[in-house]
Amino acid sequence: MKRAIFILILGGFVCASLPEASASIAPGSKCSKAGMKSVYKNKSYTCIKLGKNLYWDNGINLKDKAAADKAAADKAAADKAAADKAAADKAAADVCSSVARSVRAYFGAELYQGFLMSSYIFQNNSNCHLGIYATVTFVCPEGGVLRLDKYVRSSGAFALGPYEKLVVNGLNYNRFFPVANQQCLTLTGFKTNSAQLTNQTGYPPVISITSSNP
């Protein structure tokens, strides 16, 4: 009798010392506490409450979750980098905008294709790309004769790169002030391709219309 009791006690001791096997989890099976999480076969399950009962959800594949977390982190980093760049570009553009209005415009004589010609000179002294709107004065020929009382003020828009110098004269003005000849025709009744630049009404007003960092 004593021997049998000893064996039973020993047997009970051995059974108690064995680790409890992990229970399997199946989506939709019952669980004990809402919000509790458990990992089974490389899936993370969460205990959710539906009505009055608690169930395991469908689980999330841990590999998929890791990939999704990485993708989300990469997107957040890319969005932040884009926002930082946009802020930096705006700050640079604001700086350029304040510099742009200091573009120098003056009337003078400049060499062009080997000829010394009356010219309007536009000088960008900044490191910004500028869009310029300018108005200059042209004397219109009337029947081949230049008359100082026959003049038009014509406007044009063009770009100036960082530190770029632009010379506008009687040979190239149509590229930058394309309606000057039409204005002369309206004024005098004569077609012309050789309106002459003049500074009789002073330096040309210049307005920067766009600017950006280099």
Protein backbone atom coordinates (compact mmCIF):
# COMPACT_ATOMS: atom_id res chain seq x y z
CA MET A 1 0.00 0.00 0.00
CA LYS A 2 2.77 2.37 0.89
CA ARG A 3 4.54 1.54 -2.35
CA ALA A 4 1.46 2.33 -4.43
CA ILE A 5 1.02 5.68 -2.72
CA PHE A 6 4.66 6.55 -3.39
CA ILE A 7 4.30 5.74 -7.07
CA LEU A 8 1.18 7.85 -7.37
CA ILE A 9 2.84 10.80 -5.66
CA LEU A 10 5.95 10.47 -7.87
CA GLY A 11 3.78 10.26 -10.94
CA GLY A 12 1.89 13.40 -9.91
CA PHE A 13 5.18 15.22 -9.39
CA VAL A 14 6.45 14.32 -12.85
CA CYS A 15 3.20 15.43 -14.50
CA ALA A 16 3.17 18.73 -12.68
CA SER A 17 6.73 19.53 -13.77
CA LEU A 18 5.99 19.19 -17.50
CA PRO A 19 5.39 22.53 -19.36
CA GLU A 20 1.82 23.17 -20.56
CA ALA A 21 1.51 22.90 -24.33
CA SER A 22 0.52 26.13 -26.17
CA ALA A 23 -3.11 26.06 -27.21
CA SER A 24 -3.85 26.44 -30.91
CA ILE A 25 -5.72 29.52 -32.07
CA ALA A 26 -8.34 29.53 -34.78
CA PRO A 27 -9.98 32.69 -36.12
CA GLY A 28 -13.45 33.01 -34.57
CA SER A 29 -12.67 30.79 -31.61
CA LYS A 30 -13.33 32.12 -28.13
CA CYS A 31 -10.77 34.02 -26.10
CA SER A 32 -10.75 35.34 -22.55
CA LYS A 33 -9.87 39.06 -22.56
CA ALA A 34 -10.53 41.81 -25.10
CA GLY A 35 -7.34 43.35 -26.47
CA MET A 36 -5.17 40.38 -25.55
CA LYS A 37 -2.70 39.39 -28.25
CA SER A 38 -1.15 36.03 -29.02
CA VAL A 39 1.20 34.73 -31.69
CA TYR A 40 0.51 31.40 -33.35
CA LYS A 41 2.13 29.99 -36.49
CA ASN A 42 3.73 33.33 -37.46
CA LYS A 43 0.47 35.24 -37.07
CA SER A 44 -0.46 37.81 -34.46
CA TYR A 45 -4.04 37.42 -33.19
CA THR A 46 -6.05 39.91 -31.15
CA CYS A 47 -8.97 39.09 -28.90
CA ILE A 48 -11.95 41.22 -29.96
CA LYS A 49 -15.43 41.69 -28.55
CA LEU A 50 -18.42 41.07 -30.80
CA GLY A 51 -21.67 41.69 -28.98
CA LYS A 52 -21.29 40.08 -25.58
CA ASN A 53 -18.72 37.46 -26.66
CA LEU A 54 -14.96 37.49 -27.16
CA TYR A 55 -13.35 35.97 -30.25
CA TRP A 56 -9.93 35.76 -31.87
CA ASP A 57 -9.72 37.87 -35.03
CA ASN A 58 -8.34 36.64 -38.37
CA GLY A 59 -4.80 37.51 -37.37
CA ILE A 60 -2.06 39.43 -39.13
CA ASN A 61 0.84 37.72 -40.88
CA LEU A 62 3.92 38.98 -39.07
CA LYS A 63 5.97 39.11 -42.29
CA ASP A 64 3.25 41.14 -44.01
CA LYS A 65 2.97 43.43 -40.98
CA ALA A 66 6.72 44.03 -40.95
CA ALA A 67 6.65 44.88 -44.66
CA ALA A 68 3.63 47.16 -44.16
CA ASP A 69 5.31 48.91 -41.22
CA LYS A 70 8.46 49.45 -43.30
CA ALA A 71 6.44 50.77 -46.25
CA ALA A 72 4.58 53.17 -43.94
CA ALA A 73 7.85 54.35 -42.39
CA ASP A 74 9.41 54.84 -45.84
CA LYS A 75 6.37 56.83 -47.02
CA ALA A 76 6.44 59.01 -43.90
CA ALA A 77 10.14 59.69 -44.45
CA ALA A 78 9.57 60.50 -48.14
CA ASP A 79 6.64 62.80 -47.30
CA LYS A 80 8.75 64.62 -44.72
CA ALA A 81 11.64 64.99 -47.17
CA ALA A 82 9.25 66.38 -49.81
CA ALA A 83 7.73 68.81 -47.29
CA ASP A 84 11.19 69.93 -46.16
CA LYS A 85 12.27 70.48 -49.78
CA ALA A 86 9.09 72.44 -50.56
CA ALA A 87 9.69 74.64 -47.52
CA ALA A 88 13.33 75.18 -48.53
CA ASP A 89 12.33 76.00 -52.13
CA LYS A 90 9.73 78.50 -50.89
CA ALA A 91 12.27 80.14 -48.61
CA ALA A 92 14.76 80.36 -51.50
CA ALA A 93 12.07 81.75 -53.80
CA ASP A 94 11.14 84.36 -51.18
CA VAL A 95 14.80 85.41 -50.99
CA CYS A 96 15.01 85.55 -54.78
CA SER A 97 11.83 87.59 -54.99
CA SER A 98 13.32 90.27 -52.77
CA VAL A 99 16.52 90.33 -54.84
CA ALA A 100 14.75 90.24 -58.20
CA ARG A 101 13.49 93.81 -58.04
CA SER A 102 17.06 95.09 -58.06
CA VAL A 103 17.65 94.07 -61.71
CA ARG A 104 19.61 96.82 -63.41
CA ALA A 105 18.20 98.20 -66.67
CA TYR A 106 19.89 101.05 -68.55
CA PHE A 107 20.35 102.62 -71.97
CA GLY A 108 23.78 102.70 -73.61
CA ALA A 109 25.98 101.78 -76.55
CA GLU A 110 26.97 98.10 -76.78
CA LEU A 111 28.89 96.05 -79.31
CA TYR A 112 26.66 93.57 -81.11
CA GLN A 113 27.94 91.38 -83.96
CA GLY A 114 30.81 93.82 -84.45
CA PHE A 115 28.66 96.98 -84.45
CA LEU A 116 28.36 99.61 -81.73
CA MET A 117 24.63 100.06 -81.32
CA SER A 118 22.20 101.98 -79.13
CA SER A 119 20.87 99.37 -76.74
CA TYR A 120 18.87 98.68 -73.66
CA ILE A 121 20.87 96.51 -71.25
CA PHE A 122 19.25 94.31 -68.64
CA GLN A 123 21.63 92.94 -66.01
CA ASN A 124 20.66 90.26 -63.48
CA ASN A 125 23.06 90.69 -60.57
CA SER A 126 21.56 87.87 -58.50
CA ASN A 127 21.90 84.10 -58.44
CA CYS A 128 18.18 83.73 -59.23
CA HIS A 129 16.41 82.74 -62.41
CA LEU A 130 14.21 85.72 -63.20
CA GLY A 131 11.21 86.39 -65.37
CA ILE A 132 11.28 90.05 -66.44
CA TYR A 133 8.52 92.33 -67.65
CA ALA A 134 9.90 95.55 -69.16
CA THR A 135 8.69 98.57 -71.10
CA VAL A 136 11.00 100.50 -73.45
CA THR A 137 10.68 103.32 -75.98
CA PHE A 138 11.06 103.00 -79.77
CA VAL A 139 11.26 105.79 -82.36
CA CYS A 140 9.20 104.78 -85.39
CA PRO A 141 10.38 105.53 -88.96
CA GLU A 142 7.79 107.31 -91.08
CA GLY A 143 8.40 106.68 -94.75
CA GLY A 144 12.02 105.81 -93.98
CA VAL A 145 12.60 108.96 -91.92
CA LEU A 146 13.05 108.78 -88.15
CA ARG A 147 11.09 111.43 -86.27
CA LEU A 148 11.64 111.80 -82.56
CA ASP A 149 8.02 112.84 -82.05
CA LYS A 150 6.86 109.49 -83.47
CA TYR A 151 7.58 106.99 -80.75
CA VAL A 152 5.85 104.14 -78.95
CA ARG A 153 6.35 102.47 -75.63
CA SER A 154 6.31 98.71 -76.00
CA SER A 155 6.36 95.96 -73.37
CA GLY A 156 7.83 92.48 -73.40
CA ALA A 157 8.50 89.53 -71.10
CA PHE A 158 11.66 87.43 -71.10
CA ALA A 159 13.88 85.33 -68.85
CA LEU A 160 17.22 86.21 -67.28
CA GLY A 161 19.44 83.51 -65.82
CA PRO A 162 21.70 84.03 -62.79
CA TYR A 163 24.08 86.96 -63.46
CA GLU A 164 22.96 87.06 -67.10
CA LYS A 165 23.28 90.22 -69.18
CA LEU A 166 20.82 90.83 -72.02
CA VAL A 167 21.44 93.44 -74.74
CA VAL A 168 18.40 94.55 -76.75
CA ASN A 169 19.06 96.63 -79.86
CA GLY A 170 17.71 97.48 -83.31
CA LEU A 171 18.65 94.05 -84.70
CA ASN A 172 17.10 91.76 -82.11
CA TYR A 173 14.36 93.75 -80.37
CA ASN A 174 11.55 91.78 -82.08
CA ARG A 175 12.50 88.70 -80.05
CA PHE A 176 11.85 90.50 -76.77
CA PHE A 177 9.31 93.19 -77.73
CA PRO A 178 7.30 91.44 -80.45
CA VAL A 179 4.51 94.03 -80.84
CA ALA A 180 6.72 97.10 -81.29
CA ASN A 181 6.55 97.03 -85.09
CA GLN A 182 2.77 96.67 -85.05
CA GLN A 183 2.56 99.64 -82.69
CA CYS A 184 4.70 101.71 -85.07
CA LEU A 185 2.47 100.69 -87.99
CA THR A 186 -0.59 101.83 -86.06
CA LEU A 187 1.08 105.13 -85.20
CA THR A 188 2.62 106.06 -88.57
CA GLY A 189 0.80 103.93 -91.13
CA PHE A 190 4.16 102.54 -92.33
CA LYS A 191 5.43 99.01 -91.87
CA THR A 192 8.88 98.76 -90.33
CA ASN A 193 11.45 96.24 -89.16
CA SER A 194 13.92 98.86 -87.96
CA ALA A 195 12.42 100.84 -85.11
CA GLN A 196 15.15 102.57 -83.14
CA LEU A 197 15.53 102.33 -79.39
CA THR A 198 15.73 105.61 -77.54
CA ASN A 199 16.02 106.80 -73.96
CA GLN A 200 14.19 110.05 -74.51
CA THR A 201 11.60 109.06 -71.91
CA GLY A 202 14.13 107.79 -69.40
CA TYR A 203 15.25 104.36 -68.29
CA PRO A 204 12.83 101.48 -68.90
CA PRO A 205 10.73 100.45 -65.92
CA VAL A 206 11.40 96.82 -65.03
CA ILE A 207 9.19 94.53 -62.98
CA SER A 208 10.21 91.03 -62.00
CA ILE A 209 7.24 88.72 -62.52
CA THR A 210 8.76 85.40 -61.45
CA SER A 211 11.87 84.19 -59.68
CA SER A 212 13.34 80.99 -58.32
CA ASN A 213 16.50 79.64 -56.79
CA PRO A 214 19.26 78.52 -59.18
